[in-house]
Amino acid sequence: MKHELPYFYIGSAYGGNQDWLTDRMMNLGGCAAVTACDSSIYFTRYKDAQGLYPYETEDVAKKDYIAFTNVMKPYLRPRWGGIDRLDMYIDGMGQFLTDHGDDDITMDPWSGDKTAAETKDVIKAQIDAGWPIPHLVLHHNNPNFKFYDWHWFLLTGYTEFDGDFMVKAVTYGSWRWLDFDGLWNTGHRKKGGLILYHRHS
């Protein structure tokens, strides 16, 4: 059983790519801002949000996307130590939404201390409801997940087969399917977690 969200391309890239950014600090540490930019385009295309992305969303242009990351930068600016807590993302993205006239979308944190079993249920509920999921990984003991070490990215799908649970991770303009148990169990005491988008009800 596979569930994937619709998404968008920028040229041949699957979503935005941090490597495009010419601002040195954003290029090095802008993963939270890029995650928020991709979320904003998704909300505009698939959740009927207004006022979040000021450019064409049906055919997203690379130059427009890069310009948009500079709009997002003050809200989720790179900093020493990075945006290493869920509340920092919620505060920054929340202020962006408020400043751009959206009081409908809200966010809740989902701690990395939650069990993998609990988290799988939440992931399924969010994806089934049509919401991409920002995921923060801090340090990870498993070298198979080195690419995601100290990084924000989006989850946009899940699949279950023969007891295995995989998630679709989107970052750097591409996607790949990852074993969720391995991804979630970082082997470190300090953990990241998920951001759960909702609409006010």
C-alpha atoms as a PDB file:
ATOM      1  CA  MET A   1       0.000   0.000   0.000  1.00  0.00           C
ATOM      2  CA  LYS A   2       1.639   3.213  -1.215  1.00  0.00           C
ATOM      3  CA  HIS A   3       0.428   6.751  -0.552  1.00  0.00           C
ATOM      4  CA  GLU A   4       2.219   9.680  -2.210  1.00  0.00           C
ATOM      5  CA  LEU A   5       1.339  13.359  -2.297  1.00  0.00           C
ATOM      6  CA  PRO A   6       1.291  15.282  -5.569  1.00  0.00           C
ATOM      7  CA  TYR A   7       4.296  17.569  -5.820  1.00  0.00           C
ATOM      8  CA  PHE A   8       5.954  19.996  -8.238  1.00  0.00           C
ATOM      9  CA  TYR A   9       9.010  20.163 -10.444  1.00  0.00           C
ATOM     10  CA  ILE A  10      11.348  23.066 -11.059  1.00  0.00           C
ATOM     11  CA  GLY A  11      12.848  22.122 -14.387  1.00  0.00           C
ATOM     12  CA  SER A  12      14.004  18.563 -13.790  1.00  0.00           C
ATOM     13  CA  ALA A  13      14.307  19.056 -10.009  1.00  0.00           C
ATOM     14  CA  TYR A  14      11.728  17.560  -7.669  1.00  0.00           C
ATOM     15  CA  GLY A  15      11.026  20.634  -5.556  1.00  0.00           C
ATOM     16  CA  GLY A  16      13.642  23.179  -4.569  1.00  0.00           C
ATOM     17  CA  ASN A  17      17.369  22.652  -4.175  1.00  0.00           C
ATOM     18  CA  GLN A  18      19.497  24.306  -1.513  1.00  0.00           C
ATOM     19  CA  ASP A  19      22.534  24.014  -3.803  1.00  0.00           C
ATOM     20  CA  TRP A  20      21.012  26.659  -6.103  1.00  0.00           C
ATOM     21  CA  LEU A  21      21.164  29.374  -3.468  1.00  0.00           C
ATOM     22  CA  THR A  22      23.770  32.060  -4.056  1.00  0.00           C
ATOM     23  CA  ASP A  23      23.560  33.488  -0.531  1.00  0.00           C
ATOM     24  CA  ARG A  24      26.482  31.763   1.187  1.00  0.00           C
ATOM     25  CA  MET A  25      24.762  31.183   4.523  1.00  0.00           C
ATOM     26  CA  MET A  26      21.573  29.957   2.878  1.00  0.00           C
ATOM     27  CA  ASN A  27      23.577  27.631   0.646  1.00  0.00           C
ATOM     28  CA  LEU A  28      25.291  26.157   3.700  1.00  0.00           C
ATOM     29  CA  GLY A  29      22.462  26.181   6.230  1.00  0.00           C
ATOM     30  CA  GLY A  30      19.187  27.095   4.582  1.00  0.00           C
ATOM     31  CA  CYS A  31      17.505  23.687   4.775  1.00  0.00           C
ATOM     32  CA  ALA A  32      14.733  24.862   7.124  1.00  0.00           C
ATOM     33  CA  ALA A  33      13.968  27.828   4.875  1.00  0.00           C
ATOM     34  CA  VAL A  34      13.945  25.612   1.766  1.00  0.00           C
ATOM     35  CA  THR A  35      11.588  23.195   3.538  1.00  0.00           C
ATOM     36  CA  ALA A  36       9.282  26.126   4.322  1.00  0.00           C
ATOM     37  CA  CYS A  37       9.507  27.415   0.730  1.00  0.00           C
ATOM     38  CA  ASP A  38       8.527  24.028  -0.680  1.00  0.00           C
ATOM     39  CA  SER A  39       5.709  23.827   1.866  1.00  0.00           C
ATOM     40  CA  SER A  40       4.428  27.249   0.802  1.00  0.00           C
ATOM     41  CA  ILE A  41       4.361  26.288  -2.869  1.00  0.00           C
ATOM     42  CA  TYR A  42       2.601  23.046  -1.960  1.00  0.00           C
ATOM     43  CA  PHE A  43       0.002  24.930   0.102  1.00  0.00           C
ATOM     44  CA  THR A  44      -0.628  27.280  -2.821  1.00  0.00           C
ATOM     45  CA  ARG A  45      -0.962  24.512  -5.396  1.00  0.00           C
ATOM     46  CA  TYR A  46      -2.802  21.869  -3.407  1.00  0.00           C
ATOM     47  CA  LYS A  47      -4.369  23.540  -0.347  1.00  0.00           C
ATOM     48  CA  ASP A  48      -5.781  26.679  -1.991  1.00  0.00           C
ATOM     49  CA  ALA A  49      -3.618  28.985   0.133  1.00  0.00           C
ATOM     50  CA  GLN A  50      -3.421  32.600  -1.006  1.00  0.00           C
ATOM     51  CA  GLY A  51      -0.636  35.149  -0.710  1.00  0.00           C
ATOM     52  CA  LEU A  52       2.189  32.788   0.262  1.00  0.00           C
ATOM     53  CA  TYR A  53       4.113  32.386  -2.997  1.00  0.00           C
ATOM     54  CA  PRO A  54       4.185  35.545  -5.141  1.00  0.00           C
ATOM     55  CA  TYR A  55       5.155  33.848  -8.411  1.00  0.00           C
ATOM     56  CA  GLU A  56       3.721  31.354 -10.883  1.00  0.00           C
ATOM     57  CA  THR A  57       3.038  28.006  -9.204  1.00  0.00           C
ATOM     58  CA  GLU A  58       1.876  25.906 -12.146  1.00  0.00           C
ATOM     59  CA  ASP A  59       5.298  26.159 -13.778  1.00  0.00           C
ATOM     60  CA  VAL A  60       7.697  27.123 -10.996  1.00  0.00           C
ATOM     61  CA  ALA A  61      10.775  28.918 -12.331  1.00  0.00           C
ATOM     62  CA  LYS A  62      14.176  28.405 -10.745  1.00  0.00           C
ATOM     63  CA  LYS A  63      14.920  32.147 -10.644  1.00  0.00           C
ATOM     64  CA  ASP A  64      11.604  32.807  -8.885  1.00  0.00           C
ATOM     65  CA  TYR A  65      12.254  30.044  -6.374  1.00  0.00           C
ATOM     66  CA  ILE A  66      15.685  31.462  -5.541  1.00  0.00           C
ATOM     67  CA  ALA A  67      14.140  34.914  -5.061  1.00  0.00           C
ATOM     68  CA  PHE A  68      11.508  33.382  -2.788  1.00  0.00           C
ATOM     69  CA  THR A  69      14.158  31.836  -0.536  1.00  0.00           C
ATOM     70  CA  ASN A  70      15.350  35.372   0.180  1.00  0.00           C
ATOM     71  CA  VAL A  71      11.807  36.269   1.251  1.00  0.00           C
ATOM     72  CA  MET A  72      11.818  33.299   3.625  1.00  0.00           C
ATOM     73  CA  LYS A  73      15.342  33.908   4.936  1.00  0.00           C
ATOM     74  CA  PRO A  74      14.446  36.439   7.696  1.00  0.00           C
ATOM     75  CA  TYR A  75      11.943  33.981   9.172  1.00  0.00           C
ATOM     76  CA  LEU A  76      14.185  30.903   9.192  1.00  0.00           C
ATOM     77  CA  ARG A  77      17.617  32.397   8.788  1.00  0.00           C
ATOM     78  CA  PRO A  78      20.681  30.174   9.037  1.00  0.00           C
ATOM     79  CA  ARG A  79      22.484  30.579  12.334  1.00  0.00           C
ATOM     80  CA  TRP A  80      25.276  29.100  14.402  1.00  0.00           C
ATOM     81  CA  GLY A  81      24.061  25.702  15.573  1.00  0.00           C
ATOM     82  CA  GLY A  82      21.278  25.684  13.002  1.00  0.00           C
ATOM     83  CA  ILE A  83      17.519  25.589  13.472  1.00  0.00           C
ATOM     84  CA  ASP A  84      17.830  22.588  15.742  1.00  0.00           C
ATOM     85  CA  ARG A  85      14.481  22.674  17.569  1.00  0.00           C
ATOM     86  CA  LEU A  86      10.952  22.158  16.340  1.00  0.00           C
ATOM     87  CA  ASP A  87       9.697  25.316  18.047  1.00  0.00           C
ATOM     88  CA  MET A  88      12.171  27.439  16.089  1.00  0.00           C
ATOM     89  CA  TYR A  89      10.663  26.225  12.821  1.00  0.00           C
ATOM     90  CA  ILE A  90       7.115  26.694  14.105  1.00  0.00           C
ATOM     91  CA  ASP A  91       7.880  30.248  15.263  1.00  0.00           C
ATOM     92  CA  GLY A  92       9.539  31.239  11.983  1.00  0.00           C
ATOM     93  CA  MET A  93       7.078  29.604   9.630  1.00  0.00           C
ATOM     94  CA  GLY A  94       4.181  30.759  11.785  1.00  0.00           C
ATOM     95  CA  GLN A  95       5.328  34.373  11.523  1.00  0.00           C
ATOM     96  CA  PHE A  96       5.729  34.010   7.762  1.00  0.00           C
ATOM     97  CA  LEU A  97       2.168  32.705   7.458  1.00  0.00           C
ATOM     98  CA  THR A  98       0.826  35.539   9.623  1.00  0.00           C
ATOM     99  CA  ASP A  99       2.730  38.223   7.735  1.00  0.00           C
ATOM    100  CA  HIS A 100       1.421  36.875   4.435  1.00  0.00           C
ATOM    101  CA  GLY A 101      -2.210  36.800   5.489  1.00  0.00           C
ATOM    102  CA  ASP A 102      -2.699  33.103   6.255  1.00  0.00           C
ATOM    103  CA  ASP A 103      -4.282  32.487   9.647  1.00  0.00           C
ATOM    104  CA  ASP A 104      -5.719  29.133   8.600  1.00  0.00           C
ATOM    105  CA  ILE A 105      -2.678  26.841   8.582  1.00  0.00           C
ATOM    106  CA  THR A 106      -1.243  25.914  11.953  1.00  0.00           C
ATOM    107  CA  MET A 107       1.521  23.611  13.189  1.00  0.00           C
ATOM    108  CA  ASP A 108       2.164  21.192  16.012  1.00  0.00           C
ATOM    109  CA  PRO A 109       5.488  19.635  17.036  1.00  0.00           C
ATOM    110  CA  TRP A 110       5.979  15.874  17.112  1.00  0.00           C
ATOM    111  CA  SER A 111       9.007  15.036  19.235  1.00  0.00           C
ATOM    112  CA  GLY A 112      11.688  12.636  18.100  1.00  0.00           C
ATOM    113  CA  ASP A 113      11.312  11.023  21.522  1.00  0.00           C
ATOM    114  CA  LYS A 114       7.996   9.495  20.425  1.00  0.00           C
ATOM    115  CA  THR A 115       8.090   5.816  19.502  1.00  0.00           C
ATOM    116  CA  ALA A 116       8.434   4.751  15.890  1.00  0.00           C
ATOM    117  CA  ALA A 117       5.085   2.941  16.111  1.00  0.00           C
ATOM    118  CA  GLU A 118       3.260   6.097  17.272  1.00  0.00           C
ATOM    119  CA  THR A 119       5.018   8.157  14.645  1.00  0.00           C
ATOM    120  CA  LYS A 120       4.078   5.841  11.783  1.00  0.00           C
ATOM    121  CA  ASP A 121       0.418   6.339  12.656  1.00  0.00           C
ATOM    122  CA  VAL A 122       0.880  10.117  12.635  1.00  0.00           C
ATOM    123  CA  ILE A 123       2.722  10.045   9.315  1.00  0.00           C
ATOM    124  CA  LYS A 124      -0.044   7.995   7.731  1.00  0.00           C
ATOM    125  CA  ALA A 125      -2.707  10.361   9.072  1.00  0.00           C
ATOM    126  CA  GLN A 126      -0.883  13.473   7.821  1.00  0.00           C
ATOM    127  CA  ILE A 127      -0.124  12.122   4.357  1.00  0.00           C
ATOM    128  CA  ASP A 128      -3.640  10.719   3.991  1.00  0.00           C
ATOM    129  CA  ALA A 129      -4.975  14.190   4.860  1.00  0.00           C
ATOM    130  CA  GLY A 130      -2.800  15.749   2.150  1.00  0.00           C
ATOM    131  CA  TRP A 131      -0.093  17.394   4.267  1.00  0.00           C
ATOM    132  CA  PRO A 132       3.660  17.195   3.625  1.00  0.00           C
ATOM    133  CA  ILE A 133       5.673  16.684   6.811  1.00  0.00           C
ATOM    134  CA  PRO A 134       8.819  18.664   7.689  1.00  0.00           C
ATOM    135  CA  HIS A 135      11.290  16.303   9.353  1.00  0.00           C
ATOM    136  CA  LEU A 136      14.305  17.385  11.396  1.00  0.00           C
ATOM    137  CA  VAL A 137      17.118  14.893  11.913  1.00  0.00           C
ATOM    138  CA  LEU A 138      19.933  15.913  14.229  1.00  0.00           C
ATOM    139  CA  HIS A 139      22.924  13.597  14.502  1.00  0.00           C
ATOM    140  CA  HIS A 140      22.497  10.012  13.309  1.00  0.00           C
ATOM    141  CA  ASN A 141      24.652   7.022  14.197  1.00  0.00           C
ATOM    142  CA  ASN A 142      23.856   5.077  11.031  1.00  0.00           C
ATOM    143  CA  PRO A 143      26.107   6.058   8.096  1.00  0.00           C
ATOM    144  CA  ASN A 144      23.299   5.087   5.704  1.00  0.00           C
ATOM    145  CA  PHE A 145      21.532   8.274   6.814  1.00  0.00           C
ATOM    146  CA  LYS A 146      24.571  10.563   6.767  1.00  0.00           C
ATOM    147  CA  PHE A 147      22.982  12.613   3.953  1.00  0.00           C
ATOM    148  CA  TYR A 148      20.182  13.568   6.378  1.00  0.00           C
ATOM    149  CA  ASP A 149      22.407  14.363   9.354  1.00  0.00           C
ATOM    150  CA  TRP A 150      21.585  17.781  10.911  1.00  0.00           C
ATOM    151  CA  HIS A 151      19.031  18.475   8.209  1.00  0.00           C
ATOM    152  CA  TRP A 152      15.455  19.575   7.534  1.00  0.00           C
ATOM    153  CA  PHE A 153      13.583  17.905   4.670  1.00  0.00           C
ATOM    154  CA  LEU A 154      10.026  16.901   3.726  1.00  0.00           C
ATOM    155  CA  LEU A 155       8.221  13.585   3.893  1.00  0.00           C
ATOM    156  CA  THR A 156       5.672  13.331   1.093  1.00  0.00           C
ATOM    157  CA  GLY A 157       4.664   9.679   1.069  1.00  0.00           C
ATOM    158  CA  TYR A 158       4.711   6.318   2.783  1.00  0.00           C
ATOM    159  CA  THR A 159       4.443   2.684   1.843  1.00  0.00           C
ATOM    160  CA  GLU A 160       4.001  -0.534   3.811  1.00  0.00           C
ATOM    161  CA  PHE A 161       5.005  -3.973   2.564  1.00  0.00           C
ATOM    162  CA  ASP A 162       5.637  -7.205   4.467  1.00  0.00           C
ATOM    163  CA  GLY A 163       5.986  -5.342   7.754  1.00  0.00           C
ATOM    164  CA  ASP A 164       8.385  -2.713   6.399  1.00  0.00           C
ATOM    165  CA  PHE A 165       7.434   0.969   6.567  1.00  0.00           C
ATOM    166  CA  MET A 166       9.145   3.320   4.129  1.00  0.00           C
ATOM    167  CA  VAL A 167       8.856   7.087   3.794  1.00  0.00           C
ATOM    168  CA  LYS A 168       9.449   9.274   0.757  1.00  0.00           C
ATOM    169  CA  ALA A 169      12.049  11.907   1.682  1.00  0.00           C
ATOM    170  CA  VAL A 170      12.351  15.021  -0.491  1.00  0.00           C
ATOM    171  CA  THR A 171      15.413  17.272  -0.386  1.00  0.00           C
ATOM    172  CA  TYR A 172      17.997  18.842  -2.710  1.00  0.00           C
ATOM    173  CA  GLY A 173      15.654  18.600  -5.682  1.00  0.00           C
ATOM    174  CA  SER A 174      15.211  14.840  -5.517  1.00  0.00           C
ATOM    175  CA  TRP A 175      13.453  12.102  -3.572  1.00  0.00           C
ATOM    176  CA  ARG A 176      14.208   8.658  -2.223  1.00  0.00           C
ATOM    177  CA  TRP A 177      12.454   5.988  -0.220  1.00  0.00           C
ATOM    178  CA  LEU A 178      13.939   5.412   3.253  1.00  0.00           C
ATOM    179  CA  ASP A 179      13.399   2.763   5.897  1.00  0.00           C
ATOM    180  CA  PHE A 180      11.550   4.699   8.568  1.00  0.00           C
ATOM    181  CA  ASP A 181      12.630   2.671  11.593  1.00  0.00           C
ATOM    182  CA  GLY A 182      16.256   3.237  10.681  1.00  0.00           C
ATOM    183  CA  LEU A 183      15.700   6.932  10.028  1.00  0.00           C
ATOM    184  CA  TRP A 184      13.755   7.550  13.247  1.00  0.00           C
ATOM    185  CA  ASN A 185      16.074   5.661  15.593  1.00  0.00           C
ATOM    186  CA  THR A 186      19.074   7.970  15.426  1.00  0.00           C
ATOM    187  CA  GLY A 187      21.004   6.465  18.330  1.00  0.00           C
ATOM    188  CA  HIS A 188      21.408   9.885  19.969  1.00  0.00           C
ATOM    189  CA  ARG A 189      19.744  11.265  23.084  1.00  0.00           C
ATOM    190  CA  LYS A 190      19.015  14.658  21.526  1.00  0.00           C
ATOM    191  CA  LYS A 191      16.533  14.209  18.701  1.00  0.00           C
ATOM    192  CA  GLY A 192      14.633  16.276  16.169  1.00  0.00           C
ATOM    193  CA  GLY A 193      11.145  15.267  15.116  1.00  0.00           C
ATOM    194  CA  LEU A 194       8.302  16.255  12.829  1.00  0.00           C
ATOM    195  CA  ILE A 195       6.156  19.309  12.157  1.00  0.00           C
ATOM    196  CA  LEU A 196       2.473  18.505  11.738  1.00  0.00           C
ATOM    197  CA  TYR A 197       0.589  20.963   9.544  1.00  0.00           C
ATOM    198  CA  HIS A 198      -3.166  21.389  10.087  1.00  0.00           C
ATOM    199  CA  ARG A 199      -5.960  23.776   9.317  1.00  0.00           C
ATOM    200  CA  HIS A 200      -7.671  25.606  12.145  1.00  0.00           C
ATOM    201  CA  SER A 201     -11.019  23.959  12.810  1.00  0.00           C
END
